[in-house]
Amino acid sequence: GEPSLELLLVPSEEPSGSGTQKLMCSGWGFNPQIKWLSGSEQRSAAAYERRMGEDGHVALTSYITVTQQDWNQGMVFTCEVIDTDLQKTTRKSTSLCTGRL
């Protein structure tokens, strides 16, 4: 089937004045790669976790940290999951304006 993904705003454990917001994206497929974009620029992920499912699917979780300033200005962040085996791309975006997805 299609690669699928979930994009979440991670509630910060830090006090709200700490100046950062964390976003998490999980994707799964046979050989998923995760790419982050903000606006049209590619961003590098802060962390990756990779898990193998029983059925041969791989679950990939990736995090990025964005500044509270960017987030509060309504900047749009996009997570793309590219399944290199299936040559398929799935993407989701989030911003302050869209609120919780």
PDB file of N, CA and C in Angstrom:
ATOM      1  N   GLY A   1       0.818  -1.210   0.000  1.00  0.00           N
ATOM      2  CA  GLY A   1       0.000   0.000   0.000  1.00  0.00           C
ATOM      3  C   GLY A   1       0.849   1.256   0.000  1.00  0.00           C
ATOM      4  N   GLU A   2       0.184   2.369   0.193  1.00  0.00           N
ATOM      5  CA  GLU A   2       0.853   3.663   0.193  1.00  0.00           C
ATOM      6  C   GLU A   2       1.698   3.818   1.459  1.00  0.00           C
ATOM      7  N   PRO A   3       2.763   4.587   1.338  1.00  0.00           N
ATOM      8  CA  PRO A   3       3.436   4.972   2.588  1.00  0.00           C
ATOM      9  C   PRO A   3       2.485   5.903   3.345  1.00  0.00           C
ATOM     10  N   SER A   4       2.485   5.821   4.657  1.00  0.00           N
ATOM     11  CA  SER A   4       1.586   6.711   5.379  1.00  0.00           C
ATOM     12  C   SER A   4       2.372   7.475   6.424  1.00  0.00           C
ATOM     13  N   LEU A   5       1.802   8.558   6.900  1.00  0.00           N
ATOM     14  CA  LEU A   5       2.536   9.351   7.867  1.00  0.00           C
ATOM     15  C   LEU A   5       1.631  10.084   8.808  1.00  0.00           C
ATOM     16  N   GLU A   6       2.212  10.484   9.923  1.00  0.00           N
ATOM     17  CA  GLU A   6       1.508  11.220  10.953  1.00  0.00           C
ATOM     18  C   GLU A   6       2.425  12.362  11.375  1.00  0.00           C
ATOM     19  N   LEU A   7       1.856  13.546  11.497  1.00  0.00           N
ATOM     20  CA  LEU A   7       2.644  14.715  11.871  1.00  0.00           C
ATOM     21  C   LEU A   7       2.033  15.319  13.120  1.00  0.00           C
ATOM     22  N   LEU A   8       2.825  15.475  14.162  1.00  0.00           N
ATOM     23  CA  LEU A   8       2.302  15.951  15.440  1.00  0.00           C
ATOM     24  C   LEU A   8       3.162  17.061  16.017  1.00  0.00           C
ATOM     25  N   LEU A   9       2.492  17.919  16.758  1.00  0.00           N
ATOM     26  CA  LEU A   9       3.200  18.916  17.546  1.00  0.00           C
ATOM     27  C   LEU A   9       3.460  18.254  18.892  1.00  0.00           C
ATOM     28  N   VAL A  10       4.709  18.182  19.315  1.00  0.00           N
ATOM     29  CA  VAL A  10       5.022  17.536  20.582  1.00  0.00           C
ATOM     30  C   VAL A  10       4.874  18.562  21.700  1.00  0.00           C
ATOM     31  N   PRO A  11       4.038  18.257  22.701  1.00  0.00           N
ATOM     32  CA  PRO A  11       3.900  19.202  23.808  1.00  0.00           C
ATOM     33  C   PRO A  11       5.270  19.381  24.465  1.00  0.00           C
ATOM     34  N   SER A  12       5.642  20.619  24.666  1.00  0.00           N
ATOM     35  CA  SER A  12       6.969  20.885  25.206  1.00  0.00           C
ATOM     36  C   SER A  12       6.998  20.627  26.705  1.00  0.00           C
ATOM     37  N   GLU A  13       8.080  19.981  27.155  1.00  0.00           N
ATOM     38  CA  GLU A  13       8.211  19.776  28.597  1.00  0.00           C
ATOM     39  C   GLU A  13       8.818  21.031  29.213  1.00  0.00           C
ATOM     40  N   GLU A  14       9.362  21.874  28.348  1.00  0.00           N
ATOM     41  CA  GLU A  14       9.999  23.080  28.848  1.00  0.00           C
ATOM     42  C   GLU A  14       8.935  24.155  29.067  1.00  0.00           C
ATOM     43  N   PRO A  15       9.243  25.142  29.912  1.00  0.00           N
ATOM     44  CA  PRO A  15       8.301  26.249  30.083  1.00  0.00           C
ATOM     45  C   PRO A  15       8.085  26.947  28.745  1.00  0.00           C
ATOM     46  N   SER A  16       6.914  27.507  28.563  1.00  0.00           N
ATOM     47  CA  SER A  16       6.542  28.024  27.247  1.00  0.00           C
ATOM     48  C   SER A  16       7.459  29.151  26.788  1.00  0.00           C
ATOM     49  N   GLY A  17       8.174  29.766  27.691  1.00  0.00           N
ATOM     50  CA  GLY A  17       9.071  30.842  27.283  1.00  0.00           C
ATOM     51  C   GLY A  17      10.403  30.336  26.761  1.00  0.00           C
ATOM     52  N   SER A  18      10.565  29.018  26.671  1.00  0.00           N
ATOM     53  CA  SER A  18      11.869  28.460  26.329  1.00  0.00           C
ATOM     54  C   SER A  18      12.266  28.710  24.878  1.00  0.00           C
ATOM     55  N   GLY A  19      11.300  29.097  24.051  1.00  0.00           N
ATOM     56  CA  GLY A  19      11.661  29.510  22.704  1.00  0.00           C
ATOM     57  C   GLY A  19      11.731  28.424  21.647  1.00  0.00           C
ATOM     58  N   THR A  20      11.365  27.184  21.973  1.00  0.00           N
ATOM     59  CA  THR A  20      11.350  26.175  20.917  1.00  0.00           C
ATOM     60  C   THR A  20      10.067  25.353  20.943  1.00  0.00           C
ATOM     61  N   GLN A  21       9.759  24.811  19.795  1.00  0.00           N
ATOM     62  CA  GLN A  21       8.588  23.973  19.579  1.00  0.00           C
ATOM     63  C   GLN A  21       9.111  22.717  18.897  1.00  0.00           C
ATOM     64  N   LYS A  22       8.619  21.561  19.301  1.00  0.00           N
ATOM     65  CA  LYS A  22       9.102  20.320  18.698  1.00  0.00           C
ATOM     66  C   LYS A  22       8.012  19.715  17.819  1.00  0.00           C
ATOM     67  N   LEU A  23       8.416  19.272  16.627  1.00  0.00           N
ATOM     68  CA  LEU A  23       7.475  18.594  15.744  1.00  0.00           C
ATOM     69  C   LEU A  23       7.970  17.178  15.524  1.00  0.00           C
ATOM     70  N   MET A  24       7.027  16.258  15.466  1.00  0.00           N
ATOM     71  CA  MET A  24       7.370  14.863  15.260  1.00  0.00           C
ATOM     72  C   MET A  24       6.645  14.351  14.035  1.00  0.00           C
ATOM     73  N   CYS A  25       7.332  13.601  13.214  1.00  0.00           N
ATOM     74  CA  CYS A  25       6.715  12.999  12.053  1.00  0.00           C
ATOM     75  C   CYS A  25       7.037  11.513  12.061  1.00  0.00           C
ATOM     76  N   SER A  26       6.023  10.662  11.952  1.00  0.00           N
ATOM     77  CA  SER A  26       6.293   9.229  11.796  1.00  0.00           C
ATOM     78  C   SER A  26       5.770   8.787  10.454  1.00  0.00           C
ATOM     79  N   GLY A  27       6.579   8.026   9.787  1.00  0.00           N
ATOM     80  CA  GLY A  27       6.167   7.504   8.499  1.00  0.00           C
ATOM     81  C   GLY A  27       6.435   6.022   8.470  1.00  0.00           C
ATOM     82  N   TRP A  28       5.660   5.294   7.692  1.00  0.00           N
ATOM     83  CA  TRP A  28       6.005   3.892   7.525  1.00  0.00           C
ATOM     84  C   TRP A  28       5.740   3.441   6.115  1.00  0.00           C
ATOM     85  N   GLY A  29       6.537   2.474   5.716  1.00  0.00           N
ATOM     86  CA  GLY A  29       6.476   1.947   4.369  1.00  0.00           C
ATOM     87  C   GLY A  29       7.532   0.856   4.318  1.00  0.00           C
ATOM     88  N   PHE A  30       7.978   0.485   3.128  1.00  0.00           N
ATOM     89  CA  PHE A  30       8.996  -0.558   3.048  1.00  0.00           C
ATOM     90  C   PHE A  30      10.383   0.023   3.218  1.00  0.00           C
ATOM     91  N   ASN A  31      10.575   1.224   2.698  1.00  0.00           N
ATOM     92  CA  ASN A  31      11.888   1.845   2.831  1.00  0.00           C
ATOM     93  C   ASN A  31      11.712   3.354   2.937  1.00  0.00           C
ATOM     94  N   PRO A  32      11.101   3.810   4.046  1.00  0.00           N
ATOM     95  CA  PRO A  32      10.751   5.228   4.120  1.00  0.00           C
ATOM     96  C   PRO A  32      11.944   6.127   4.427  1.00  0.00           C
ATOM     97  N   GLN A  33      11.950   7.291   3.808  1.00  0.00           N
ATOM     98  CA  GLN A  33      12.906   8.339   4.141  1.00  0.00           C
ATOM     99  C   GLN A  33      12.053   9.542   4.522  1.00  0.00           C
ATOM    100  N   ILE A  34      12.499  10.290   5.513  1.00  0.00           N
ATOM    101  CA  ILE A  34      11.728  11.469   5.916  1.00  0.00           C
ATOM    102  C   ILE A  34      12.498  12.738   5.584  1.00  0.00           C
ATOM    103  N   LYS A  35      11.788  13.682   5.006  1.00  0.00           N
ATOM    104  CA  LYS A  35      12.365  14.980   4.669  1.00  0.00           C
ATOM    105  C   LYS A  35      11.506  16.062   5.306  1.00  0.00           C
ATOM    106  N   TRP A  36      12.154  17.073   5.864  1.00  0.00           N
ATOM    107  CA  TRP A  36      11.428  18.193   6.465  1.00  0.00           C
ATOM    108  C   TRP A  36      11.616  19.445   5.623  1.00  0.00           C
ATOM    109  N   LEU A  37      10.562  20.210   5.477  1.00  0.00           N
ATOM    110  CA  LEU A  37      10.657  21.489   4.773  1.00  0.00           C
ATOM    111  C   LEU A  37       9.968  22.547   5.617  1.00  0.00           C
ATOM    112  N   SER A  38      10.525  23.738   5.595  1.00  0.00           N
ATOM    113  CA  SER A  38       9.774  24.857   6.171  1.00  0.00           C
ATOM    114  C   SER A  38       9.752  25.907   5.079  1.00  0.00           C
ATOM    115  N   GLY A  39       8.540  26.308   4.709  1.00  0.00           N
ATOM    116  CA  GLY A  39       8.412  27.121   3.515  1.00  0.00           C
ATOM    117  C   GLY A  39       8.923  26.251   2.382  1.00  0.00           C
ATOM    118  N   SER A  40       9.920  26.726   1.647  1.00  0.00           N
ATOM    119  CA  SER A  40      10.436  25.913   0.547  1.00  0.00           C
ATOM    120  C   SER A  40      11.845  25.418   0.865  1.00  0.00           C
ATOM    121  N   GLU A  41      12.311  25.683   2.091  1.00  0.00           N
ATOM    122  CA  GLU A  41      13.669  25.259   2.438  1.00  0.00           C
ATOM    123  C   GLU A  41      13.653  23.909   3.119  1.00  0.00           C
ATOM    124  N   GLN A  42      14.660  23.102   2.778  1.00  0.00           N
ATOM    125  CA  GLN A  42      14.770  21.830   3.456  1.00  0.00           C
ATOM    126  C   GLN A  42      15.444  22.035   4.799  1.00  0.00           C
ATOM    127  N   ARG A  43      14.999  21.312   5.808  1.00  0.00           N
ATOM    128  CA  ARG A  43      15.580  21.416   7.135  1.00  0.00           C
ATOM    129  C   ARG A  43      16.105  20.064   7.554  1.00  0.00           C
ATOM    130  N   SER A  44      17.136  20.083   8.374  1.00  0.00           N
ATOM    131  CA  SER A  44      17.647  18.786   8.810  1.00  0.00           C
ATOM    132  C   SER A  44      16.962  18.400  10.116  1.00  0.00           C
ATOM    133  N   ALA A  45      16.713  17.115  10.250  1.00  0.00           N
ATOM    134  CA  ALA A  45      16.011  16.606  11.422  1.00  0.00           C
ATOM    135  C   ALA A  45      16.951  16.567  12.615  1.00  0.00           C
ATOM    136  N   ALA A  46      16.385  16.729  13.794  1.00  0.00           N
ATOM    137  CA  ALA A  46      17.174  16.672  15.012  1.00  0.00           C
ATOM    138  C   ALA A  46      17.452  15.217  15.392  1.00  0.00           C
ATOM    139  N   ALA A  47      16.508  14.330  15.096  1.00  0.00           N
ATOM    140  CA  ALA A  47      16.677  12.933  15.506  1.00  0.00           C
ATOM    141  C   ALA A  47      15.816  12.009  14.665  1.00  0.00           C
ATOM    142  N   TYR A  48      16.280  10.785  14.561  1.00  0.00           N
ATOM    143  CA  TYR A  48      15.548   9.736  13.844  1.00  0.00           C
ATOM    144  C   TYR A  48      15.453   8.497  14.711  1.00  0.00           C
ATOM    145  N   GLU A  49      14.341   7.806  14.638  1.00  0.00           N
ATOM    146  CA  GLU A  49      14.253   6.468  15.238  1.00  0.00           C
ATOM    147  C   GLU A  49      13.692   5.556  14.168  1.00  0.00           C
ATOM    148  N   ARG A  50      14.268   4.371  14.047  1.00  0.00           N
ATOM    149  CA  ARG A  50      13.839   3.430  13.020  1.00  0.00           C
ATOM    150  C   ARG A  50      13.446   2.101  13.655  1.00  0.00           C
ATOM    151  N   ARG A  51      12.272   1.613  13.317  1.00  0.00           N
ATOM    152  CA  ARG A  51      11.801   0.339  13.875  1.00  0.00           C
ATOM    153  C   ARG A  51      11.307  -0.553  12.758  1.00  0.00           C
ATOM    154  N   MET A  52      11.577  -1.831  12.910  1.00  0.00           N
ATOM    155  CA  MET A  52      11.133  -2.787  11.903  1.00  0.00           C
ATOM    156  C   MET A  52       9.846  -3.441  12.387  1.00  0.00           C
ATOM    157  N   GLY A  53       8.804  -3.441  11.556  1.00  0.00           N
ATOM    158  CA  GLY A  53       7.549  -4.090  11.939  1.00  0.00           C
ATOM    159  C   GLY A  53       7.603  -5.576  11.623  1.00  0.00           C
ATOM    160  N   GLU A  54       6.665  -6.321  12.173  1.00  0.00           N
ATOM    161  CA  GLU A  54       6.631  -7.772  11.954  1.00  0.00           C
ATOM    162  C   GLU A  54       6.401  -8.094  10.478  1.00  0.00           C
ATOM    163  N   ASP A  55       5.641  -7.233   9.803  1.00  0.00           N
ATOM    164  CA  ASP A  55       5.249  -7.531   8.419  1.00  0.00           C
ATOM    165  C   ASP A  55       6.257  -7.009   7.402  1.00  0.00           C
ATOM    166  N   GLY A  56       7.441  -6.600   7.872  1.00  0.00           N
ATOM    167  CA  GLY A  56       8.434  -6.125   6.914  1.00  0.00           C
ATOM    168  C   GLY A  56       8.372  -4.632   6.663  1.00  0.00           C
ATOM    169  N   HIS A  57       7.378  -3.964   7.224  1.00  0.00           N
ATOM    170  CA  HIS A  57       7.318  -2.510   7.101  1.00  0.00           C
ATOM    171  C   HIS A  57       8.301  -1.868   8.078  1.00  0.00           C
ATOM    172  N   VAL A  58       8.784  -0.722   7.698  1.00  0.00           N
ATOM    173  CA  VAL A  58       9.671   0.024   8.573  1.00  0.00           C
ATOM    174  C   VAL A  58       8.935   1.262   9.064  1.00  0.00           C
ATOM    175  N   ALA A  59       8.994   1.493  10.369  1.00  0.00           N
ATOM    176  CA  ALA A  59       8.424   2.715  10.936  1.00  0.00           C
ATOM    177  C   ALA A  59       9.577   3.653  11.253  1.00  0.00           C
ATOM    178  N   LEU A  60       9.475   4.848  10.747  1.00  0.00           N
ATOM    179  CA  LEU A  60      10.535   5.828  10.932  1.00  0.00           C
ATOM    180  C   LEU A  60       9.936   7.030  11.647  1.00  0.00           C
ATOM    181  N   THR A  61      10.562   7.466  12.716  1.00  0.00           N
ATOM    182  CA  THR A  61      10.078   8.641  13.435  1.00  0.00           C
ATOM    183  C   THR A  61      11.173   9.688  13.424  1.00  0.00           C
ATOM    184  N   SER A  62      10.793  10.915  13.131  1.00  0.00           N
ATOM    185  CA  SER A  62      11.760  11.979  13.016  1.00  0.00           C
ATOM    186  C   SER A  62      11.263  13.214  13.758  1.00  0.00           C
ATOM    187  N   TYR A  63      12.194  13.950  14.341  1.00  0.00           N
ATOM    188  CA  TYR A  63      11.833  15.155  15.089  1.00  0.00           C
ATOM    189  C   TYR A  63      12.577  16.360  14.539  1.00  0.00           C
ATOM    190  N   ILE A  64      11.925  17.512  14.543  1.00  0.00           N
ATOM    191  CA  ILE A  64      12.678  18.743  14.356  1.00  0.00           C
ATOM    192  C   ILE A  64      12.251  19.730  15.451  1.00  0.00           C
ATOM    193  N   THR A  65      13.162  20.621  15.760  1.00  0.00           N
ATOM    194  CA  THR A  65      12.877  21.665  16.733  1.00  0.00           C
ATOM    195  C   THR A  65      12.807  22.972  15.966  1.00  0.00           C
ATOM    196  N   VAL A  66      11.761  23.729  16.180  1.00  0.00           N
ATOM    197  CA  VAL A  66      11.617  25.005  15.489  1.00  0.00           C
ATOM    198  C   VAL A  66      11.555  26.103  16.538  1.00  0.00           C
ATOM    199  N   THR A  67      11.935  27.305  16.156  1.00  0.00           N
ATOM    200  CA  THR A  67      11.886  28.380  17.144  1.00  0.00           C
ATOM    201  C   THR A  67      10.442  28.805  17.362  1.00  0.00           C
ATOM    202  N   GLN A  68      10.174  29.199  18.585  1.00  0.00           N
ATOM    203  CA  GLN A  68       8.842  29.665  18.949  1.00  0.00           C
ATOM    204  C   GLN A  68       8.458  30.842  18.050  1.00  0.00           C
ATOM    205  N   GLN A  69       9.452  31.639  17.705  1.00  0.00           N
ATOM    206  CA  GLN A  69       9.210  32.811  16.864  1.00  0.00           C
ATOM    207  C   GLN A  69       8.682  32.395  15.491  1.00  0.00           C
ATOM    208  N   ASP A  70       9.370  31.420  14.852  1.00  0.00           N
ATOM    209  CA  ASP A  70       8.913  30.918  13.547  1.00  0.00           C
ATOM    210  C   ASP A  70       7.508  30.351  13.676  1.00  0.00           C
ATOM    211  N   TRP A  71       7.296  29.574  14.734  1.00  0.00           N
ATOM    212  CA  TRP A  71       6.001  28.928  14.939  1.00  0.00           C
ATOM    213  C   TRP A  71       4.914  29.976  15.127  1.00  0.00           C
ATOM    214  N   ASN A  72       5.182  30.971  15.986  1.00  0.00           N
ATOM    215  CA  ASN A  72       4.182  32.002  16.275  1.00  0.00           C
ATOM    216  C   ASN A  72       3.883  32.875  15.075  1.00  0.00           C
ATOM    217  N   GLN A  73       4.816  32.957  14.135  1.00  0.00           N
ATOM    218  CA  GLN A  73       4.581  33.744  12.931  1.00  0.00           C
ATOM    219  C   GLN A  73       3.756  32.971  11.907  1.00  0.00           C
ATOM    220  N   GLY A  74       3.402  31.726  12.250  1.00  0.00           N
ATOM    221  CA  GLY A  74       2.554  30.947  11.354  1.00  0.00           C
ATOM    222  C   GLY A  74       3.317  30.280  10.222  1.00  0.00           C
ATOM    223  N   MET A  75       4.640  30.110  10.391  1.00  0.00           N
ATOM    224  CA  MET A  75       5.418  29.421   9.365  1.00  0.00           C
ATOM    225  C   MET A  75       4.893  27.991   9.201  1.00  0.00           C
ATOM    226  N   VAL A  76       4.861  27.530   7.957  1.00  0.00           N
ATOM    227  CA  VAL A  76       4.330  26.193   7.682  1.00  0.00           C
ATOM    228  C   VAL A  76       5.476  25.195   7.606  1.00  0.00           C
ATOM    229  N   PHE A  77       5.337  24.097   8.340  1.00  0.00           N
ATOM    230  CA  PHE A  77       6.345  23.031   8.323  1.00  0.00           C
ATOM    231  C   PHE A  77       5.741  21.799   7.673  1.00  0.00           C
ATOM    232  N   THR A  78       6.503  21.192   6.797  1.00  0.00           N
ATOM    233  CA  THR A  78       6.012  20.049   6.034  1.00  0.00           C
ATOM    234  C   THR A  78       6.924  18.857   6.255  1.00  0.00           C
ATOM    235  N   CYS A  79       6.288  17.712   6.457  1.00  0.00           N
ATOM    236  CA  CYS A  79       7.033  16.465   6.551  1.00  0.00           C
ATOM    237  C   CYS A  79       6.704  15.653   5.312  1.00  0.00           C
ATOM    238  N   GLU A  80       7.727  15.170   4.642  1.00  0.00           N
ATOM    239  CA  GLU A  80       7.539  14.325   3.460  1.00  0.00           C
ATOM    240  C   GLU A  80       8.087  12.950   3.758  1.00  0.00           C
ATOM    241  N   VAL A  81       7.291  11.935   3.487  1.00  0.00           N
ATOM    242  CA  VAL A  81       7.795  10.569   3.579  1.00  0.00           C
ATOM    243  C   VAL A  81       7.928  10.042   2.165  1.00  0.00           C
ATOM    244  N   ILE A  82       9.149   9.679   1.822  1.00  0.00           N
ATOM    245  CA  ILE A  82       9.411   9.161   0.480  1.00  0.00           C
ATOM    246  C   ILE A  82       9.698   7.670   0.641  1.00  0.00           C
ATOM    247  N   ASP A  83       8.902   6.854  -0.012  1.00  0.00           N
ATOM    248  CA  ASP A  83       9.187   5.422   0.028  1.00  0.00           C
ATOM    249  C   ASP A  83       9.983   5.095  -1.227  1.00  0.00           C
ATOM    250  N   THR A  84      11.288   4.861  -1.037  1.00  0.00           N
ATOM    251  CA  THR A  84      12.166   4.692  -2.188  1.00  0.00           C
ATOM    252  C   THR A  84      11.887   3.397  -2.949  1.00  0.00           C
ATOM    253  N   ASP A  85      11.340   2.393  -2.248  1.00  0.00           N
ATOM    254  CA  ASP A  85      11.008   1.148  -2.937  1.00  0.00           C
ATOM    255  C   ASP A  85       9.786   1.325  -3.829  1.00  0.00           C
ATOM    256  N   LEU A  86       8.797   2.049  -3.321  1.00  0.00           N
ATOM    257  CA  LEU A  86       7.554   2.211  -4.073  1.00  0.00           C
ATOM    258  C   LEU A  86       7.567   3.450  -4.968  1.00  0.00           C
ATOM    259  N   GLN A  87       8.621   4.283  -4.813  1.00  0.00           N
ATOM    260  CA  GLN A  87       8.686   5.538  -5.574  1.00  0.00           C
ATOM    261  C   GLN A  87       7.449   6.385  -5.326  1.00  0.00           C
ATOM    262  N   LYS A  88       7.032   6.457  -4.053  1.00  0.00           N
ATOM    263  CA  LYS A  88       5.849   7.251  -3.723  1.00  0.00           C
ATOM    264  C   LYS A  88       6.194   8.249  -2.628  1.00  0.00           C
ATOM    265  N   THR A  89       5.555   9.396  -2.685  1.00  0.00           N
ATOM    266  CA  THR A  89       5.775  10.419  -1.675  1.00  0.00           C
ATOM    267  C   THR A  89       4.450  10.821  -1.046  1.00  0.00           C
ATOM    268  N   THR A  90       4.439  10.920   0.271  1.00  0.00           N
ATOM    269  CA  THR A  90       3.274  11.397   0.995  1.00  0.00           C
ATOM    270  C   THR A  90       3.731  12.591   1.808  1.00  0.00           C
ATOM    271  N   ARG A  91       2.910  13.634   1.908  1.00  0.00           N
ATOM    272  CA  ARG A  91       3.334  14.762   2.731  1.00  0.00           C
ATOM    273  C   ARG A  91       2.197  15.340   3.541  1.00  0.00           C
ATOM    274  N   LYS A  92       2.557  15.907   4.680  1.00  0.00           N
ATOM    275  CA  LYS A  92       1.588  16.630   5.503  1.00  0.00           C
ATOM    276  C   LYS A  92       2.238  17.892   6.012  1.00  0.00           C
ATOM    277  N   SER A  93       1.415  18.912   6.215  1.00  0.00           N
ATOM    278  CA  SER A  93       1.943  20.168   6.726  1.00  0.00           C
ATOM    279  C   SER A  93       1.214  20.585   7.980  1.00  0.00           C
ATOM    280  N   THR A  94       1.876  21.367   8.802  1.00  0.00           N
ATOM    281  CA  THR A  94       1.225  21.926   9.971  1.00  0.00           C
ATOM    282  C   THR A  94       1.756  23.325  10.212  1.00  0.00           C
ATOM    283  N   SER A  95       0.948  24.136  10.861  1.00  0.00           N
ATOM    284  CA  SER A  95       1.394  25.465  11.278  1.00  0.00           C
ATOM    285  C   SER A  95       0.518  25.879  12.446  1.00  0.00           C
ATOM    286  N   LEU A  96       0.879  26.971  13.058  1.00  0.00           N
ATOM    287  CA  LEU A  96       0.081  27.494  14.159  1.00  0.00           C
ATOM    288  C   LEU A  96      -1.353  27.716  13.698  1.00  0.00           C
ATOM    289  N   CYS A  97      -1.499  28.180  12.472  1.00  0.00           N
ATOM    290  CA  CYS A  97      -2.831  28.504  11.939  1.00  0.00           C
ATOM    291  C   CYS A  97      -3.716  27.272  11.773  1.00  0.00           C
ATOM    292  N   THR A  98      -3.106  26.140  11.389  1.00  0.00           N
ATOM    293  CA  THR A  98      -3.936  24.950  11.225  1.00  0.00           C
ATOM    294  C   THR A  98      -4.250  24.347  12.588  1.00  0.00           C
ATOM    295  N   GLY A  99      -3.519  24.763  13.613  1.00  0.00           N
ATOM    296  CA  GLY A  99      -3.753  24.240  14.952  1.00  0.00           C
ATOM    297  C   GLY A  99      -3.424  22.766  14.987  1.00  0.00           C
ATOM    298  N   ARG A 100      -4.105  22.022  15.833  1.00  0.00           N
ATOM    299  CA  ARG A 100      -3.864  20.575  15.898  1.00  0.00           C
ATOM    300  C   ARG A 100      -4.399  19.962  14.623  1.00  0.00           C
ATOM    301  N   LEU A 101      -3.641  19.035  14.057  1.00  0.00           N
ATOM    302  CA  LEU A 101      -4.025  18.466  12.766  1.00  0.00           C
ATOM    303  C   LEU A 101      -5.325  17.664  12.839  1.00  0.00           C
TER     304      LEU A 101
END
